């Protein structure tokens, strides 16, 4: 799966017409992970992709590990970055249930 984040009024958001999502925000730590990755990988903030899967992705940049359910969404930890972040219920538009691991790969 893939999304194409962009900045909107200082917040990372994405659109996915197939899922009925417009300006869906990344919040509560996930936004910080994206900002870190954009800076570290020298990605163009106006044009990059995030590939993600509950299955292994070769050369992935990091793995989000499920921690807990909260407020309809799920908290994930990223040991590689030392961050924690919350994925809102839009997660269920991509997965039937919250995966134990989400492999993440950034592309330019």
PDB file of N, CA and C in Angstrom:
ATOM      1  N   UNK A   1       0.837  -1.157   0.000  1.00  0.00           N
ATOM      2  CA  UNK A   1       0.000   0.000   0.000  1.00  0.00           C
ATOM      3  C   UNK A   1       0.887   1.226   0.000  1.00  0.00           C
ATOM      4  N   UNK A   2       0.344   2.317  -0.488  1.00  0.00           N
ATOM      5  CA  UNK A   2       1.131   3.538  -0.580  1.00  0.00           C
ATOM      6  C   UNK A   2       0.239   4.760  -0.375  1.00  0.00           C
ATOM      7  N   UNK A   3       0.791   5.758   0.299  1.00  0.00           N
ATOM      8  CA  UNK A   3       0.157   7.068   0.424  1.00  0.00           C
ATOM      9  C   UNK A   3       1.198   8.118   0.045  1.00  0.00           C
ATOM     10  N   UNK A   4       0.724   9.299  -0.302  1.00  0.00           N
ATOM     11  CA  UNK A   4       1.583  10.387  -0.747  1.00  0.00           C
ATOM     12  C   UNK A   4       1.328  11.609   0.138  1.00  0.00           C
ATOM     13  N   UNK A   5       2.025  11.695   1.267  1.00  0.00           N
ATOM     14  CA  UNK A   5       1.794  12.804   2.197  1.00  0.00           C
ATOM     15  C   UNK A   5       2.244  14.150   1.622  1.00  0.00           C
ATOM     16  N   UNK A   6       1.617  15.183   2.129  1.00  0.00           N
ATOM     17  CA  UNK A   6       2.003  16.552   1.800  1.00  0.00           C
ATOM     18  C   UNK A   6       1.671  17.432   2.992  1.00  0.00           C
ATOM     19  N   UNK A   7       2.310  18.589   3.034  1.00  0.00           N
ATOM     20  CA  UNK A   7       2.044  19.529   4.124  1.00  0.00           C
ATOM     21  C   UNK A   7       0.847  20.398   3.785  1.00  0.00           C
ATOM     22  N   UNK A   8      -0.065  20.516   4.727  1.00  0.00           N
ATOM     23  CA  UNK A   8      -1.226  21.390   4.598  1.00  0.00           C
ATOM     24  C   UNK A   8      -1.328  22.199   5.886  1.00  0.00           C
ATOM     25  N   UNK A   9      -1.079  23.485   5.789  1.00  0.00           N
ATOM     26  CA  UNK A   9      -1.105  24.381   6.944  1.00  0.00           C
ATOM     27  C   UNK A   9      -0.218  23.860   8.077  1.00  0.00           C
ATOM     28  N   UNK A  10       0.949  23.318   7.695  1.00  0.00           N
ATOM     29  CA  UNK A  10       1.932  22.857   8.668  1.00  0.00           C
ATOM     30  C   UNK A  10       1.743  21.449   9.189  1.00  0.00           C
ATOM     31  N   UNK A  11       0.732  20.735   8.698  1.00  0.00           N
ATOM     32  CA  UNK A  11       0.470  19.361   9.149  1.00  0.00           C
ATOM     33  C   UNK A  11       0.616  18.389   7.985  1.00  0.00           C
ATOM     34  N   UNK A  12       1.177  17.216   8.275  1.00  0.00           N
ATOM     35  CA  UNK A  12       1.258  16.163   7.264  1.00  0.00           C
ATOM     36  C   UNK A  12      -0.118  15.540   7.086  1.00  0.00           C
ATOM     37  N   UNK A  13      -0.586  15.495   5.846  1.00  0.00           N
ATOM     38  CA  UNK A  13      -1.878  14.905   5.499  1.00  0.00           C
ATOM     39  C   UNK A  13      -1.707  14.080   4.225  1.00  0.00           C
ATOM     40  N   UNK A  14      -2.727  13.312   3.895  1.00  0.00           N
ATOM     41  CA  UNK A  14      -2.736  12.578   2.628  1.00  0.00           C
ATOM     42  C   UNK A  14      -4.161  12.418   2.147  1.00  0.00           C
ATOM     43  N   UNK A  15      -4.284  12.177   0.859  1.00  0.00           N
ATOM     44  CA  UNK A  15      -5.571  11.903   0.221  1.00  0.00           C
ATOM     45  C   UNK A  15      -5.551  10.481  -0.314  1.00  0.00           C
ATOM     46  N   UNK A  16      -6.682   9.818  -0.239  1.00  0.00           N
ATOM     47  CA  UNK A  16      -6.828   8.510  -0.863  1.00  0.00           C
ATOM     48  C   UNK A  16      -8.280   8.388  -1.302  1.00  0.00           C
ATOM     49  N   UNK A  17      -8.534   8.775  -2.544  1.00  0.00           N
ATOM     50  CA  UNK A  17      -9.899   8.798  -3.068  1.00  0.00           C
ATOM     51  C   UNK A  17     -10.564   7.432  -2.983  1.00  0.00           C
ATOM     52  N   UNK A  18      -9.795   6.364  -3.204  1.00  0.00           N
ATOM     53  CA  UNK A  18     -10.355   5.004  -3.147  1.00  0.00           C
ATOM     54  C   UNK A  18     -10.890   4.659  -1.763  1.00  0.00           C
ATOM     55  N   UNK A  19     -10.335   5.307  -0.734  1.00  0.00           N
ATOM     56  CA  UNK A  19     -10.753   5.032   0.653  1.00  0.00           C
ATOM     57  C   UNK A  19     -11.660   6.133   1.207  1.00  0.00           C
ATOM     58  N   UNK A  20     -11.942   7.151   0.404  1.00  0.00           N
ATOM     59  CA  UNK A  20     -12.789   8.247   0.852  1.00  0.00           C
ATOM     60  C   UNK A  20     -12.089   9.192   1.820  1.00  0.00           C
ATOM     61  N   UNK A  21     -10.769   9.298   1.713  1.00  0.00           N
ATOM     62  CA  UNK A  21     -10.000  10.139   2.631  1.00  0.00           C
ATOM     63  C   UNK A  21      -9.470  11.375   1.906  1.00  0.00           C
ATOM     64  N   UNK A  22      -9.696  12.532   2.485  1.00  0.00           N
ATOM     65  CA  UNK A  22      -9.203  13.796   1.956  1.00  0.00           C
ATOM     66  C   UNK A  22      -8.565  14.565   3.101  1.00  0.00           C
ATOM     67  N   UNK A  23      -7.325  14.971   2.905  1.00  0.00           N
ATOM     68  CA  UNK A  23      -6.571  15.692   3.925  1.00  0.00           C
ATOM     69  C   UNK A  23      -6.600  14.970   5.272  1.00  0.00           C
ATOM     70  N   UNK A  24      -6.434  13.653   5.209  1.00  0.00           N
ATOM     71  CA  UNK A  24      -6.394  12.835   6.430  1.00  0.00           C
ATOM     72  C   UNK A  24      -5.082  13.140   7.152  1.00  0.00           C
ATOM     73  N   UNK A  25      -5.145  13.627   8.385  1.00  0.00           N
ATOM     74  CA  UNK A  25      -3.911  14.054   9.057  1.00  0.00           C
ATOM     75  C   UNK A  25      -3.161  12.917   9.747  1.00  0.00           C
ATOM     76  N   UNK A  26      -1.847  13.062   9.768  1.00  0.00           N
ATOM     77  CA  UNK A  26      -0.983  12.245  10.611  1.00  0.00           C
ATOM     78  C   UNK A  26      -0.750  13.060  11.877  1.00  0.00           C
ATOM     79  N   UNK A  27      -1.012  12.484  13.044  1.00  0.00           N
ATOM     80  CA  UNK A  27      -0.935  13.229  14.302  1.00  0.00           C
ATOM     81  C   UNK A  27      -0.237  12.412  15.386  1.00  0.00           C
ATOM     82  N   UNK A  28      -0.069  13.025  16.534  1.00  0.00           N
ATOM     83  CA  UNK A  28       0.388  12.373  17.764  1.00  0.00           C
ATOM     84  C   UNK A  28       1.608  11.472  17.585  1.00  0.00           C
ATOM     85  N   UNK A  29       2.662  12.045  17.037  1.00  0.00           N
ATOM     86  CA  UNK A  29       3.918  11.320  16.917  1.00  0.00           C
ATOM     87  C   UNK A  29       4.194  10.776  15.533  1.00  0.00           C
ATOM     88  N   UNK A  30       3.175  10.366  14.802  1.00  0.00           N
ATOM     89  CA  UNK A  30       3.390   9.877  13.440  1.00  0.00           C
ATOM     90  C   UNK A  30       3.887  11.031  12.570  1.00  0.00           C
ATOM     91  N   UNK A  31       3.364  12.230  12.809  1.00  0.00           N
ATOM     92  CA  UNK A  31       3.827  13.411  12.082  1.00  0.00           C
ATOM     93  C   UNK A  31       5.311  13.670  12.339  1.00  0.00           C
ATOM     94  N   UNK A  32       5.750  13.487  13.562  1.00  0.00           N
ATOM     95  CA  UNK A  32       7.169  13.675  13.900  1.00  0.00           C
ATOM     96  C   UNK A  32       8.043  12.636  13.212  1.00  0.00           C
ATOM     97  N   UNK A  33       7.562  11.394  13.126  1.00  0.00           N
ATOM     98  CA  UNK A  33       8.314  10.351  12.430  1.00  0.00           C
ATOM     99  C   UNK A  33       8.489  10.718  10.964  1.00  0.00           C
ATOM    100  N   UNK A  34       7.428  11.223  10.352  1.00  0.00           N
ATOM    101  CA  UNK A  34       7.497  11.610   8.937  1.00  0.00           C
ATOM    102  C   UNK A  34       8.479  12.762   8.755  1.00  0.00           C
ATOM    103  N   UNK A  35       8.392  13.774   9.600  1.00  0.00           N
ATOM    104  CA  UNK A  35       9.307  14.914   9.499  1.00  0.00           C
ATOM    105  C   UNK A  35      10.753  14.472   9.659  1.00  0.00           C
ATOM    106  N   UNK A  36      11.011  13.576  10.600  1.00  0.00           N
ATOM    107  CA  UNK A  36      12.359  13.054  10.817  1.00  0.00           C
ATOM    108  C   UNK A  36      12.847  12.327   9.560  1.00  0.00           C
ATOM    109  N   UNK A  37      12.016  11.446   9.025  1.00  0.00           N
ATOM    110  CA  UNK A  37      12.407  10.668   7.848  1.00  0.00           C
ATOM    111  C   UNK A  37      12.650  11.575   6.642  1.00  0.00           C
ATOM    112  N   UNK A  38      11.813  12.581   6.445  1.00  0.00           N
ATOM    113  CA  UNK A  38      11.991  13.514   5.327  1.00  0.00           C
ATOM    114  C   UNK A  38      13.347  14.207   5.436  1.00  0.00           C
ATOM    115  N   UNK A  39      13.707  14.649   6.646  1.00  0.00           N
ATOM    116  CA  UNK A  39      14.990  15.328   6.850  1.00  0.00           C
ATOM    117  C   UNK A  39      16.167  14.363   6.693  1.00  0.00           C
ATOM    118  N   UNK A  40      16.086  13.205   7.325  1.00  0.00           N
ATOM    119  CA  UNK A  40      17.197  12.242   7.310  1.00  0.00           C
ATOM    120  C   UNK A  40      17.447  11.646   5.931  1.00  0.00           C
ATOM    121  N   UNK A  41      16.376  11.440   5.168  1.00  0.00           N
ATOM    122  CA  UNK A  41      16.496  10.809   3.857  1.00  0.00           C
ATOM    123  C   UNK A  41      16.569  11.836   2.729  1.00  0.00           C
ATOM    124  N   UNK A  42      16.587  13.120   3.094  1.00  0.00           N
ATOM    125  CA  UNK A  42      16.635  14.218   2.115  1.00  0.00           C
ATOM    126  C   UNK A  42      15.531  14.090   1.065  1.00  0.00           C
ATOM    127  N   UNK A  43      14.322  13.807   1.533  1.00  0.00           N
ATOM    128  CA  UNK A  43      13.178  13.685   0.633  1.00  0.00           C
ATOM    129  C   UNK A  43      12.607  15.064   0.316  1.00  0.00           C
ATOM    130  N   UNK A  44      12.051  15.198  -0.856  1.00  0.00           N
ATOM    131  CA  UNK A  44      11.370  16.424  -1.235  1.00  0.00           C
ATOM    132  C   UNK A  44      10.005  16.434  -0.529  1.00  0.00           C
ATOM    133  N   UNK A  45       9.770  17.369   0.395  1.00  0.00           N
ATOM    134  CA  UNK A  45       8.500  17.357   1.128  1.00  0.00           C
ATOM    135  C   UNK A  45       7.275  17.554   0.246  1.00  0.00           C
ATOM    136  N   UNK A  46       7.492  17.996  -0.996  1.00  0.00           N
ATOM    137  CA  UNK A  46       6.375  18.191  -1.920  1.00  0.00           C
ATOM    138  C   UNK A  46       6.134  16.994  -2.829  1.00  0.00           C
ATOM    139  N   UNK A  47       6.919  15.926  -2.661  1.00  0.00           N
ATOM    140  CA  UNK A  47       6.736  14.792  -3.554  1.00  0.00           C
ATOM    141  C   UNK A  47       7.451  13.543  -3.107  1.00  0.00           C
ATOM    142  N   UNK A  48       6.866  12.824  -2.173  1.00  0.00           N
ATOM    143  CA  UNK A  48       7.418  11.536  -1.748  1.00  0.00           C
ATOM    144  C   UNK A  48       6.275  10.594  -1.426  1.00  0.00           C
ATOM    145  N   UNK A  49       6.620   9.337  -1.262  1.00  0.00           N
ATOM    146  CA  UNK A  49       5.624   8.305  -0.990  1.00  0.00           C
ATOM    147  C   UNK A  49       6.007   7.541   0.265  1.00  0.00           C
ATOM    148  N   UNK A  50       5.004   7.014   0.935  1.00  0.00           N
ATOM    149  CA  UNK A  50       5.221   6.094   2.049  1.00  0.00           C
ATOM    150  C   UNK A  50       4.559   4.768   1.665  1.00  0.00           C
ATOM    151  N   UNK A  51       5.380   3.746   1.533  1.00  0.00           N
ATOM    152  CA  UNK A  51       4.902   2.392   1.283  1.00  0.00           C
ATOM    153  C   UNK A  51       4.806   1.690   2.625  1.00  0.00           C
ATOM    154  N   UNK A  52       3.739   0.943   2.849  1.00  0.00           N
ATOM    155  CA  UNK A  52       3.563   0.288   4.144  1.00  0.00           C
ATOM    156  C   UNK A  52       2.839  -1.035   3.974  1.00  0.00           C
ATOM    157  N   UNK A  53       3.173  -1.966   4.866  1.00  0.00           N
ATOM    158  CA  UNK A  53       2.596  -3.302   4.783  1.00  0.00           C
ATOM    159  C   UNK A  53       2.736  -4.007   6.128  1.00  0.00           C
ATOM    160  N   UNK A  54       1.825  -4.910   6.392  1.00  0.00           N
ATOM    161  CA  UNK A  54       1.966  -5.762   7.576  1.00  0.00           C
ATOM    162  C   UNK A  54       2.916  -6.921   7.283  1.00  0.00           C
ATOM    163  N   UNK A  55       3.299  -7.067   6.026  1.00  0.00           N
ATOM    164  CA  UNK A  55       4.287  -8.068   5.614  1.00  0.00           C
ATOM    165  C   UNK A  55       5.626  -7.379   5.389  1.00  0.00           C
ATOM    166  N   UNK A  56       6.674  -8.139   5.513  1.00  0.00           N
ATOM    167  CA  UNK A  56       8.035  -7.631   5.348  1.00  0.00           C
ATOM    168  C   UNK A  56       8.207  -6.904   4.014  1.00  0.00           C
ATOM    169  N   UNK A  57       8.841  -5.732   4.053  1.00  0.00           N
ATOM    170  CA  UNK A  57       9.235  -4.999   2.846  1.00  0.00           C
ATOM    171  C   UNK A  57      10.764  -4.949   2.835  1.00  0.00           C
ATOM    172  N   UNK A  58      11.406  -5.508   1.801  1.00  0.00           N
ATOM    173  CA  UNK A  58      12.871  -5.427   1.735  1.00  0.00           C
ATOM    174  C   UNK A  58      13.335  -3.967   1.769  1.00  0.00           C
ATOM    175  N   UNK A  59      14.427  -3.712   2.450  1.00  0.00           N
ATOM    176  CA  UNK A  59      15.033  -2.384   2.554  1.00  0.00           C
ATOM    177  C   UNK A  59      14.133  -1.347   3.234  1.00  0.00           C
ATOM    178  N   UNK A  60      13.195  -1.815   4.058  1.00  0.00           N
ATOM    179  CA  UNK A  60      12.322  -0.882   4.768  1.00  0.00           C
ATOM    180  C   UNK A  60      13.159   0.047   5.656  1.00  0.00           C
ATOM    181  N   UNK A  61      12.600   1.215   5.930  1.00  0.00           N
ATOM    182  CA  UNK A  61      13.309   2.187   6.763  1.00  0.00           C
ATOM    183  C   UNK A  61      13.065   1.967   8.250  1.00  0.00           C
ATOM    184  N   UNK A  62      11.847   1.582   8.600  1.00  0.00           N
ATOM    185  CA  UNK A  62      11.585   1.242   9.986  1.00  0.00           C
ATOM    186  C   UNK A  62      10.332   0.407  10.122  1.00  0.00           C
ATOM    187  N   UNK A  63      10.132  -0.107  11.335  1.00  0.00           N
ATOM    188  CA  UNK A  63       8.979  -0.951  11.646  1.00  0.00           C
ATOM    189  C   UNK A  63       8.217  -0.306  12.791  1.00  0.00           C
ATOM    190  N   UNK A  64       6.912  -0.210  12.620  1.00  0.00           N
ATOM    191  CA  UNK A  64       6.043   0.229  13.708  1.00  0.00           C
ATOM    192  C   UNK A  64       5.524  -1.031  14.401  1.00  0.00           C
ATOM    193  N   UNK A  65       5.681  -1.086  15.711  1.00  0.00           N
ATOM    194  CA  UNK A  65       5.261  -2.249  16.491  1.00  0.00           C
ATOM    195  C   UNK A  65       4.069  -1.858  17.356  1.00  0.00           C
ATOM    196  N   UNK A  66       2.974  -2.618  17.228  1.00  0.00           N
ATOM    197  CA  UNK A  66       1.756  -2.317  17.959  1.00  0.00           C
ATOM    198  C   UNK A  66       2.004  -2.317  19.460  1.00  0.00           C
ATOM    199  N   UNK A  67       1.422  -1.321  20.135  1.00  0.00           N
ATOM    200  CA  UNK A  67       1.574  -1.221  21.584  1.00  0.00           C
ATOM    201  C   UNK A  67       0.239  -1.340  22.305  1.00  0.00           C
ATOM    202  N   UNK A  68      -0.761  -0.537  21.861  1.00  0.00           N
ATOM    203  CA  UNK A  68      -2.041  -0.564  22.569  1.00  0.00           C
ATOM    204  C   UNK A  68      -3.137   0.124  21.755  1.00  0.00           C
ATOM    205  N   UNK A  69      -4.371  -0.256  22.054  1.00  0.00           N
ATOM    206  CA  UNK A  69      -5.566   0.366  21.488  1.00  0.00           C
ATOM    207  C   UNK A  69      -5.937   1.553  22.361  1.00  0.00           C
ATOM    208  N   UNK A  70      -6.382   2.645  21.730  1.00  0.00           N
ATOM    209  CA  UNK A  70      -6.770   3.829  22.505  1.00  0.00           C
ATOM    210  C   UNK A  70      -7.631   4.748  21.649  1.00  0.00           C
ATOM    211  N   UNK A  71      -8.804   5.076  22.129  1.00  0.00           N
ATOM    212  CA  UNK A  71      -9.646   6.071  21.472  1.00  0.00           C
ATOM    213  C   UNK A  71     -10.052   5.733  20.054  1.00  0.00           C
ATOM    214  N   UNK A  72     -10.227   4.472  19.746  1.00  0.00           N
ATOM    215  CA  UNK A  72     -10.612   4.058  18.405  1.00  0.00           C
ATOM    216  C   UNK A  72      -9.432   3.824  17.485  1.00  0.00           C
ATOM    217  N   UNK A  73      -8.246   4.298  17.887  1.00  0.00           N
ATOM    218  CA  UNK A  73      -7.032   4.103  17.100  1.00  0.00           C
ATOM    219  C   UNK A  73      -6.041   3.224  17.841  1.00  0.00           C
ATOM    220  N   UNK A  74      -4.824   3.220  17.371  1.00  0.00           N
ATOM    221  CA  UNK A  74      -3.806   2.337  17.933  1.00  0.00           C
ATOM    222  C   UNK A  74      -2.466   3.048  18.052  1.00  0.00           C
ATOM    223  N   UNK A  75      -1.793   2.825  19.174  1.00  0.00           N
ATOM    224  CA  UNK A  75      -0.456   3.355  19.405  1.00  0.00           C
ATOM    225  C   UNK A  75       0.567   2.348  18.916  1.00  0.00           C
ATOM    226  N   UNK A  76       1.579   2.876  18.226  1.00  0.00           N
ATOM    227  CA  UNK A  76       2.677   2.076  17.719  1.00  0.00           C
ATOM    228  C   UNK A  76       3.996   2.679  18.194  1.00  0.00           C
ATOM    229  N   UNK A  77       4.969   1.817  18.434  1.00  0.00           N
ATOM    230  CA  UNK A  77       6.315   2.257  18.794  1.00  0.00           C
ATOM    231  C   UNK A  77       7.236   2.012  17.600  1.00  0.00           C
ATOM    232  N   UNK A  78       8.209   2.901  17.471  1.00  0.00           N
ATOM    233  CA  UNK A  78       9.222   2.747  16.444  1.00  0.00           C
ATOM    234  C   UNK A  78      10.571   2.751  17.141  1.00  0.00           C
ATOM    235  N   UNK A  79      11.112   1.577  17.385  1.00  0.00           N
ATOM    236  CA  UNK A  79      12.380   1.458  18.108  1.00  0.00           C
ATOM    237  C   UNK A  79      13.529   2.103  17.353  1.00  0.00           C
ATOM    238  N   UNK A  80      13.520   2.012  16.010  1.00  0.00           N
ATOM    239  CA  UNK A  80      14.607   2.596  15.222  1.00  0.00           C
ATOM    240  C   UNK A  80      14.717   4.108  15.430  1.00  0.00           C
ATOM    241  N   UNK A  81      13.583   4.763  15.625  1.00  0.00           N
ATOM    242  CA  UNK A  81      13.562   6.219  15.777  1.00  0.00           C
ATOM    243  C   UNK A  81      13.409   6.669  17.222  1.00  0.00           C
ATOM    244  N   UNK A  82      12.994   5.748  18.093  1.00  0.00           N
ATOM    245  CA  UNK A  82      12.738   6.122  19.479  1.00  0.00           C
ATOM    246  C   UNK A  82      11.466   6.940  19.638  1.00  0.00           C
ATOM    247  N   UNK A  83      10.528   6.758  18.727  1.00  0.00           N
ATOM    248  CA  UNK A  83       9.263   7.491  18.750  1.00  0.00           C
ATOM    249  C   UNK A  83       8.103   6.549  19.060  1.00  0.00           C
ATOM    250  N   UNK A  84       7.016   7.170  19.471  1.00  0.00           N
ATOM    251  CA  UNK A  84       5.732   6.494  19.629  1.00  0.00           C
ATOM    252  C   UNK A  84       4.726   7.341  18.872  1.00  0.00           C
ATOM    253  N   UNK A  85       3.756   6.704  18.219  1.00  0.00           N
ATOM    254  CA  UNK A  85       2.760   7.458  17.473  1.00  0.00           C
ATOM    255  C   UNK A  85       1.429   6.744  17.435  1.00  0.00           C
ATOM    256  N   UNK A  86       0.386   7.533  17.235  1.00  0.00           N
ATOM    257  CA  UNK A  86      -0.991   7.025  17.209  1.00  0.00           C
ATOM    258  C   UNK A  86      -1.521   7.040  15.785  1.00  0.00           C
ATOM    259  N   UNK A  87      -2.050   5.923  15.351  1.00  0.00           N
ATOM    260  CA  UNK A  87      -2.714   5.832  14.054  1.00  0.00           C
ATOM    261  C   UNK A  87      -4.211   5.781  14.289  1.00  0.00           C
ATOM    262  N   UNK A  88      -4.924   6.726  13.690  1.00  0.00           N
ATOM    263  CA  UNK A  88      -6.359   6.882  13.907  1.00  0.00           C
ATOM    264  C   UNK A  88      -7.143   5.739  13.263  1.00  0.00           C
ATOM    265  N   UNK A  89      -8.469   5.721  13.437  1.00  0.00           N
ATOM    266  CA  UNK A  89      -9.278   4.643  12.870  1.00  0.00           C
ATOM    267  C   UNK A  89      -9.213   4.505  11.348  1.00  0.00           C
ATOM    268  N   UNK A  90      -8.650   5.486  10.640  1.00  0.00           N
ATOM    269  CA  UNK A  90      -8.463   5.329   9.188  1.00  0.00           C
ATOM    270  C   UNK A  90      -7.577   4.115   8.889  1.00  0.00           C
ATOM    271  N   UNK A  91      -6.796   3.671   9.874  1.00  0.00           N
ATOM    272  CA  UNK A  91      -5.976   2.468   9.725  1.00  0.00           C
ATOM    273  C   UNK A  91      -6.817   1.288   9.232  1.00  0.00           C
ATOM    274  N   UNK A  92      -8.076   1.234   9.690  1.00  0.00           N
ATOM    275  CA  UNK A  92      -8.948   0.104   9.341  1.00  0.00           C
ATOM    276  C   UNK A  92      -9.454   0.159   7.903  1.00  0.00           C
ATOM    277  N   UNK A  93      -9.176   1.237   7.201  1.00  0.00           N
ATOM    278  CA  UNK A  93      -9.481   1.282   5.770  1.00  0.00           C
ATOM    279  C   UNK A  93      -8.420   0.516   4.978  1.00  0.00           C
ATOM    280  N   UNK A  94      -7.290   0.228   5.633  1.00  0.00           N
ATOM    281  CA  UNK A  94      -6.191  -0.485   4.998  1.00  0.00           C
ATOM    282  C   UNK A  94      -5.989  -1.894   5.554  1.00  0.00           C
ATOM    283  N   UNK A  95      -6.362  -2.097   6.801  1.00  0.00           N
ATOM    284  CA  UNK A  95      -6.198  -3.390   7.461  1.00  0.00           C
ATOM    285  C   UNK A  95      -7.497  -3.750   8.174  1.00  0.00           C
ATOM    286  N   UNK A  96      -7.878  -5.030   8.138  1.00  0.00           N
ATOM    287  CA  UNK A  96      -9.087  -5.472   8.835  1.00  0.00           C
ATOM    288  C   UNK A  96      -8.952  -5.314  10.335  1.00  0.00           C
ATOM    289  N   UNK A  97      -7.749  -5.575  10.845  1.00  0.00           N
ATOM    290  CA  UNK A  97      -7.457  -5.368  12.262  1.00  0.00           C
ATOM    291  C   UNK A  97      -6.083  -4.728  12.361  1.00  0.00           C
ATOM    292  N   UNK A  98      -5.810  -4.111  13.493  1.00  0.00           N
ATOM    293  CA  UNK A  98      -4.525  -3.435  13.667  1.00  0.00           C
ATOM    294  C   UNK A  98      -3.396  -4.459  13.606  1.00  0.00           C
ATOM    295  N   UNK A  99      -2.486  -4.316  12.650  1.00  0.00           N
ATOM    296  CA  UNK A  99      -1.388  -5.282  12.560  1.00  0.00           C
ATOM    297  C   UNK A  99      -0.424  -5.152  13.728  1.00  0.00           C
ATOM    298  N   UNK A 100       0.215  -6.244  14.063  1.00  0.00           N
ATOM    299  CA  UNK A 100       1.220  -6.227  15.136  1.00  0.00           C
ATOM    300  C   UNK A 100       2.464  -5.475  14.702  1.00  0.00           C
ATOM    301  N   UNK A 101       2.764  -5.516  13.396  1.00  0.00           N
ATOM    302  CA  UNK A 101       3.903  -4.773  12.857  1.00  0.00           C
ATOM    303  C   UNK A 101       3.488  -4.142  11.533  1.00  0.00           C
ATOM    304  N   UNK A 102       4.008  -2.935  11.292  1.00  0.00           N
ATOM    305  CA  UNK A 102       3.828  -2.270  10.015  1.00  0.00           C
ATOM    306  C   UNK A 102       5.215  -1.880   9.513  1.00  0.00           C
ATOM    307  N   UNK A 103       5.580  -2.437   8.355  1.00  0.00           N
ATOM    308  CA  UNK A 103       6.864  -2.118   7.736  1.00  0.00           C
ATOM    309  C   UNK A 103       6.665  -0.864   6.886  1.00  0.00           C
ATOM    310  N   UNK A 104       7.626   0.066   6.999  1.00  0.00           N
ATOM    311  CA  UNK A 104       7.494   1.361   6.344  1.00  0.00           C
ATOM    312  C   UNK A 104       8.728   1.642   5.489  1.00  0.00           C
ATOM    313  N   UNK A 105       8.470   2.043   4.243  1.00  0.00           N
ATOM    314  CA  UNK A 105       9.531   2.397   3.305  1.00  0.00           C
ATOM    315  C   UNK A 105       9.178   3.735   2.675  1.00  0.00           C
ATOM    316  N   UNK A 106      10.118   4.672   2.731  1.00  0.00           N
ATOM    317  CA  UNK A 106       9.927   5.980   2.117  1.00  0.00           C
ATOM    318  C   UNK A 106      10.542   5.975   0.732  1.00  0.00           C
ATOM    319  N   UNK A 107       9.856   6.600  -0.214  1.00  0.00           N
ATOM    320  CA  UNK A 107      10.371   6.698  -1.581  1.00  0.00           C
ATOM    321  C   UNK A 107      10.277   8.121  -2.091  1.00  0.00           C
ATOM    322  N   UNK A 108      11.209   8.482  -2.950  1.00  0.00           N
ATOM    323  CA  UNK A 108      11.267   9.842  -3.479  1.00  0.00           C
ATOM    324  C   UNK A 108      10.510  10.028  -4.699  1.00  0.00           C
TER     325      UNK A 108
END
